[in-house]
Amino acid sequence: MNNVAVIGGGASGLVAAISAASKGARVTIYESGARVGKKILSTGNGRCNMTNMNASAEHYHGADVGFVRGAREKFWVGDTLGFFLSLGVMTKTEPDGRVYPYSDKASSVLDALRLKLDALGVRTVTSYEVKSVKRKNNRFIIIPYRGESETADAVIVATGGRAAPDLGSKGGGYDILKGFGHTITDTRPSLVQIKTETETVKKLKGIKITAEASIDGASEYGEILFTDYGLSGIAIFSLTAYLGKQKTVSLDVMSGTSREELTAMLTERARLMSDVPLESYFTGMLDKRVGQALLKTAGITPLSRPSRTITKAETERLAAVMKKWEFKIEGTMSWNNAQTTKGGALTSEFDKNTMESKIVSGLYASGEVLDIDGDCGGYNLQWAWSSGYIAGMNAALRKENKQ
């Protein structure tokens, strides 16, 4: 019987522990925080967006997205739903494919996982922050910052990335893996708000619109929130997965309408609202403040002018701005605001079918610590469940003292 150490008690680590214990391993979870699963409680705004029925490779990012295929073939959405149903978690699927627990409470998911861990006799050690892991005589030595060292036959690094450090993800797993010779790619916040120049957005703080946001060819349609520092909302979160050295983010506030159609529409609108001042030109079409900001961006002033005074050139310019309203990118909000990490342990150094290191036998990694991140909508939790389950199963079944 293998002794398996799971470092990290988040989504991936808990499922890894259940998977390993179900295969007969003696499992210990080492969690740096006071309790396991804290980050699970914050997912999906407290509802826990468990997975997405549309999960496929194109919803993931990393140096080698093909690494996800191993998980898709061995433990994917259907397997995940079956796994949680076996724990008593009933689910419901929303029209966009997002899956939530029927209770709409993330605590239901965590409670079910903890009950299963207890039933399987998994040992959980909290407030145990691992400093390093060494290998000696085909066994692993887990060395904490405080407390006694412990040993294991196999180790699963499921520490998460750097996103949401207040919930326990501090990037410690990267140091553990680097200690064994693994490569860690550059990391940065993902699924996070974008900071932009603030002259325009500050005046629109708190306003939500539905539009198509684009960065360097990638686009997302959905809710966008103006803030005092920049842009937020689901569409913006998803786009940060593509964010690199791009300088601008653009909004199409009339997605589905061509620039030519929009120009004609605006021309007719000016005729119908001929005596209405420009400050009210968009009443009934767009939020008043958003409309005024678009007019000013297009250089159409003063707003006290009657709508009939808009020239053909101004109308064409306004249509162009509405189809491509650009904001200069100044960066993203901090790790504390991010839902996940872009970058991580280089996946080419791991076996996609087992999650085992190609450098050190018996060493596994799962979840966010690897260089795989998903779009907003349950994709990251699906990766956590899948990679954790596969790592746990293979760690349990590996031959003891394997070279």
Foldseek 3Di string as FASTA:
>chain_A
DFEEEEEAQALLSLLLQLLQLVLPYAYEYEAQAPDHHLLLCPPPNQQRQAAFPPDDLVQKDFPCSCLCVLLVVPAFDVNVQVVVVVLVFDWDADPRRTITTPVSGSVVSVVSSVVSCVVSVHHYDYSWAFQEWDDDLQKIWTHTPDDDIDITNFYEYAQADCFQVVSRHNHSSQVHVVVLPFDWDDKDFALFAFFFDQPQLLLQAADKAWWWKDFPHDIDTGIWGRHNGGIHDQRRRQCRLVDDPTFKMWTQRDPPADLVRQLVVLLVLCVVQVQAFQLCSCPVPDPSSVSVSLLVVLVNDDSRHGSVPQDSVSSSSSSVCNGTVMTTTPGGDHSSRGPHMAIATECVQARSNQQAGVRDPNYGYFARNHNMDGRPRNNRSSRSSSRSSSNSNNSSPDDGSDD
